[in-house]
Amino acid sequence: MQLWEEMALAREAAKEEGRTVNFIVLICKKLKKNKSVEEIAEELETDFAIVQDICEVARPFAPEYDENKVFEAW
């Protein structure tokens, strides 16, 4: 594999990780506002199952919901 291909793959992986972190941050903000999984999924217009999984991972970090710790646990 060429160096430029490796760099492109690494860049794409970093972008995907950034999107995931941003998604977890949004969910944690809504959890801090005591929103339900259903409300969060509806507001973010995303799959209920994914939001539910992230909320289950985030639950032990309540009430602060440290996004970095949730992401590491995810």
N, C-alpha and C. Protein backbone atom coordinates (compact mmCIF):
# COMPACT_ATOMS: atom_id res chain seq x y z
N MET A 1 0.85 -1.18 0.00
CA MET A 1 0.00 0.00 0.00
C MET A 1 0.90 1.24 0.00
N GLN A 2 0.52 2.19 -0.79
CA GLN A 2 1.27 3.43 -0.91
C GLN A 2 1.07 4.29 0.34
N LEU A 3 2.02 5.14 0.61
CA LEU A 3 1.94 6.04 1.76
C LEU A 3 0.71 6.93 1.67
N TRP A 4 0.41 7.45 0.49
CA TRP A 4 -0.75 8.34 0.34
C TRP A 4 -2.05 7.59 0.60
N GLU A 5 -2.09 6.29 0.26
CA GLU A 5 -3.28 5.49 0.55
C GLU A 5 -3.46 5.27 2.04
N GLU A 6 -2.35 5.02 2.71
CA GLU A 6 -2.39 4.85 4.16
C GLU A 6 -2.83 6.14 4.84
N MET A 7 -2.33 7.27 4.36
CA MET A 7 -2.72 8.55 4.94
C MET A 7 -4.19 8.84 4.71
N ALA A 8 -4.70 8.49 3.54
CA ALA A 8 -6.12 8.70 3.23
C ALA A 8 -6.99 7.84 4.13
N LEU A 9 -6.60 6.59 4.35
CA LEU A 9 -7.35 5.70 5.23
C LEU A 9 -7.33 6.22 6.68
N ALA A 10 -6.17 6.68 7.12
CA ALA A 10 -6.06 7.21 8.48
C ALA A 10 -6.92 8.46 8.64
N ARG A 11 -6.93 9.30 7.63
CA ARG A 11 -7.72 10.52 7.67
C ARG A 11 -9.22 10.18 7.73
N GLU A 12 -9.64 9.19 6.94
CA GLU A 12 -11.05 8.78 6.95
C GLU A 12 -11.44 8.17 8.29
N ALA A 13 -10.54 7.39 8.88
CA ALA A 13 -10.81 6.80 10.19
C ALA A 13 -10.94 7.89 11.25
N ALA A 14 -10.11 8.91 11.17
CA ALA A 14 -10.18 10.02 12.11
C ALA A 14 -11.49 10.79 11.97
N LYS A 15 -11.94 10.97 10.74
CA LYS A 15 -13.22 11.66 10.50
C LYS A 15 -14.37 10.86 11.11
N GLU A 16 -14.36 9.56 10.91
CA GLU A 16 -15.42 8.70 11.44
C GLU A 16 -15.42 8.74 12.97
N GLU A 17 -14.24 8.71 13.55
CA GLU A 17 -14.15 8.79 15.01
C GLU A 17 -14.69 10.13 15.50
N GLY A 18 -14.40 11.19 14.79
CA GLY A 18 -14.90 12.51 15.16
C GLY A 18 -16.41 12.58 15.09
N ARG A 19 -17.01 11.96 14.08
CA ARG A 19 -18.46 11.93 13.98
C ARG A 19 -19.07 11.15 15.14
N THR A 20 -18.43 10.05 15.51
CA THR A 20 -18.91 9.24 16.62
C THR A 20 -18.83 10.01 17.93
N VAL A 21 -17.71 10.68 18.16
CA VAL A 21 -17.55 11.48 19.37
C VAL A 21 -18.62 12.57 19.41
N ASN A 22 -18.84 13.24 18.31
CA ASN A 22 -19.85 14.31 18.26
C ASN A 22 -21.24 13.75 18.56
N PHE A 23 -21.56 12.58 18.04
CA PHE A 23 -22.85 11.94 18.28
C PHE A 23 -23.00 11.62 19.77
N ILE A 24 -21.95 11.09 20.38
CA ILE A 24 -21.99 10.77 21.81
C ILE A 24 -22.14 12.04 22.64
N VAL A 25 -21.47 13.11 22.24
CA VAL A 25 -21.60 14.39 22.95
C VAL A 25 -23.04 14.86 22.91
N LEU A 26 -23.68 14.78 21.75
CA LEU A 26 -25.08 15.20 21.63
C LEU A 26 -25.98 14.36 22.53
N ILE A 27 -25.77 13.07 22.53
CA ILE A 27 -26.59 12.19 23.37
C ILE A 27 -26.38 12.50 24.84
N CYS A 28 -25.14 12.70 25.24
CA CYS A 28 -24.85 13.01 26.65
C CYS A 28 -25.49 14.34 27.08
N LYS A 29 -25.48 15.32 26.21
CA LYS A 29 -26.12 16.60 26.52
C LYS A 29 -27.60 16.40 26.78
N LYS A 30 -28.22 15.56 25.97
CA LYS A 30 -29.66 15.31 26.12
C LYS A 30 -29.94 14.47 27.37
N LEU A 31 -29.04 13.56 27.70
CA LEU A 31 -29.20 12.78 28.93
C LEU A 31 -29.11 13.69 30.16
N LYS A 32 -28.23 14.67 30.10
CA LYS A 32 -28.10 15.63 31.21
C LYS A 32 -29.39 16.41 31.42
N LYS A 33 -30.19 16.53 30.35
CA LYS A 33 -31.47 17.24 30.44
C LYS A 33 -32.61 16.26 30.77
N ASN A 34 -32.23 15.04 31.18
CA ASN A 34 -33.18 13.99 31.57
C ASN A 34 -34.15 13.60 30.46
N LYS A 35 -33.68 13.61 29.24
CA LYS A 35 -34.51 13.19 28.11
C LYS A 35 -34.48 11.66 28.02
N SER A 36 -35.58 11.09 27.55
CA SER A 36 -35.66 9.63 27.40
C SER A 36 -34.96 9.20 26.12
N VAL A 37 -34.70 7.91 26.04
CA VAL A 37 -34.07 7.36 24.84
C VAL A 37 -34.93 7.65 23.61
N GLU A 38 -36.25 7.50 23.76
CA GLU A 38 -37.16 7.76 22.66
C GLU A 38 -37.07 9.21 22.19
N GLU A 39 -37.05 10.14 23.15
CA GLU A 39 -36.96 11.56 22.80
C GLU A 39 -35.64 11.87 22.09
N ILE A 40 -34.57 11.30 22.60
CA ILE A 40 -33.25 11.56 22.02
C ILE A 40 -33.20 11.03 20.58
N ALA A 41 -33.66 9.80 20.38
CA ALA A 41 -33.65 9.21 19.03
C ALA A 41 -34.49 10.04 18.07
N GLU A 42 -35.64 10.49 18.55
CA GLU A 42 -36.51 11.30 17.70
C GLU A 42 -35.87 12.64 17.37
N GLU A 43 -35.31 13.31 18.38
CA GLU A 43 -34.71 14.63 18.16
C GLU A 43 -33.49 14.55 17.25
N LEU A 44 -32.72 13.48 17.38
CA LEU A 44 -31.53 13.33 16.54
C LEU A 44 -31.84 12.63 15.22
N GLU A 45 -33.09 12.23 15.06
CA GLU A 45 -33.54 11.55 13.85
C GLU A 45 -32.62 10.39 13.50
N THR A 46 -32.45 9.50 14.48
CA THR A 46 -31.58 8.36 14.29
C THR A 46 -32.21 7.10 14.87
N ASP A 47 -31.57 5.99 14.64
CA ASP A 47 -32.08 4.69 15.05
C ASP A 47 -32.16 4.56 16.57
N PHE A 48 -33.31 4.14 17.04
CA PHE A 48 -33.56 3.98 18.47
C PHE A 48 -32.54 3.03 19.11
N ALA A 49 -32.24 1.92 18.44
CA ALA A 49 -31.35 0.91 19.00
C ALA A 49 -29.94 1.46 19.26
N ILE A 50 -29.45 2.27 18.35
CA ILE A 50 -28.11 2.85 18.52
C ILE A 50 -28.11 3.79 19.71
N VAL A 51 -29.11 4.64 19.79
CA VAL A 51 -29.20 5.59 20.91
C VAL A 51 -29.34 4.82 22.22
N GLN A 52 -30.14 3.78 22.22
CA GLN A 52 -30.32 2.98 23.43
C GLN A 52 -29.01 2.35 23.88
N ASP A 53 -28.23 1.82 22.94
CA ASP A 53 -26.94 1.22 23.28
C ASP A 53 -26.00 2.25 23.90
N ILE A 54 -25.93 3.42 23.30
CA ILE A 54 -25.05 4.46 23.83
C ILE A 54 -25.53 4.92 25.20
N CYS A 55 -26.84 5.04 25.38
CA CYS A 55 -27.38 5.44 26.68
C CYS A 55 -27.06 4.41 27.76
N GLU A 56 -27.09 3.13 27.41
CA GLU A 56 -26.75 2.08 28.37
C GLU A 56 -25.28 2.17 28.76
N VAL A 57 -24.43 2.46 27.79
CA VAL A 57 -23.00 2.62 28.09
C VAL A 57 -22.78 3.86 28.95
N ALA A 58 -23.56 4.92 28.70
CA ALA A 58 -23.40 6.19 29.41
C ALA A 58 -23.96 6.17 30.84
N ARG A 59 -24.92 5.28 31.09
CA ARG A 59 -25.62 5.26 32.38
C ARG A 59 -24.68 5.25 33.59
N PRO A 60 -23.61 4.45 33.61
CA PRO A 60 -22.72 4.45 34.79
C PRO A 60 -22.01 5.79 35.01
N PHE A 61 -22.00 6.65 34.01
CA PHE A 61 -21.30 7.92 34.12
C PHE A 61 -22.22 9.07 34.52
N ALA A 62 -23.47 8.73 34.88
CA ALA A 62 -24.44 9.74 35.30
C ALA A 62 -24.04 10.32 36.65
N PRO A 63 -24.35 11.52 36.99
CA PRO A 63 -25.09 12.50 36.21
C PRO A 63 -24.20 13.40 35.35
N GLU A 64 -22.87 13.24 35.43
CA GLU A 64 -21.99 14.12 34.65
C GLU A 64 -21.96 13.73 33.17
N TYR A 65 -22.07 12.44 32.88
CA TYR A 65 -22.00 11.92 31.52
C TYR A 65 -20.77 12.47 30.78
N ASP A 66 -19.60 12.16 31.33
CA ASP A 66 -18.33 12.58 30.72
C ASP A 66 -18.22 11.93 29.33
N GLU A 67 -18.30 12.77 28.29
CA GLU A 67 -18.32 12.28 26.92
C GLU A 67 -17.10 11.45 26.57
N ASN A 68 -15.94 11.85 27.08
CA ASN A 68 -14.70 11.11 26.78
C ASN A 68 -14.74 9.71 27.38
N LYS A 69 -15.23 9.60 28.60
CA LYS A 69 -15.31 8.29 29.24
C LYS A 69 -16.35 7.42 28.56
N VAL A 70 -17.47 8.03 28.16
CA VAL A 70 -18.50 7.28 27.44
C VAL A 70 -17.94 6.78 26.12
N PHE A 71 -17.21 7.61 25.41
CA PHE A 71 -16.63 7.21 24.13
C PHE A 71 -15.65 6.06 24.34
N GLU A 72 -14.80 6.15 25.34
CA GLU A 72 -13.83 5.09 25.62
C GLU A 72 -14.55 3.78 25.95
N ALA A 73 -15.64 3.87 26.71
CA ALA A 73 -16.39 2.68 27.07
C ALA A 73 -17.14 2.11 25.87
N TRP A 74 -17.52 2.95 24.94
CA TRP A 74 -18.27 2.55 23.76
C TRP A 74 -17.37 1.75 22.86
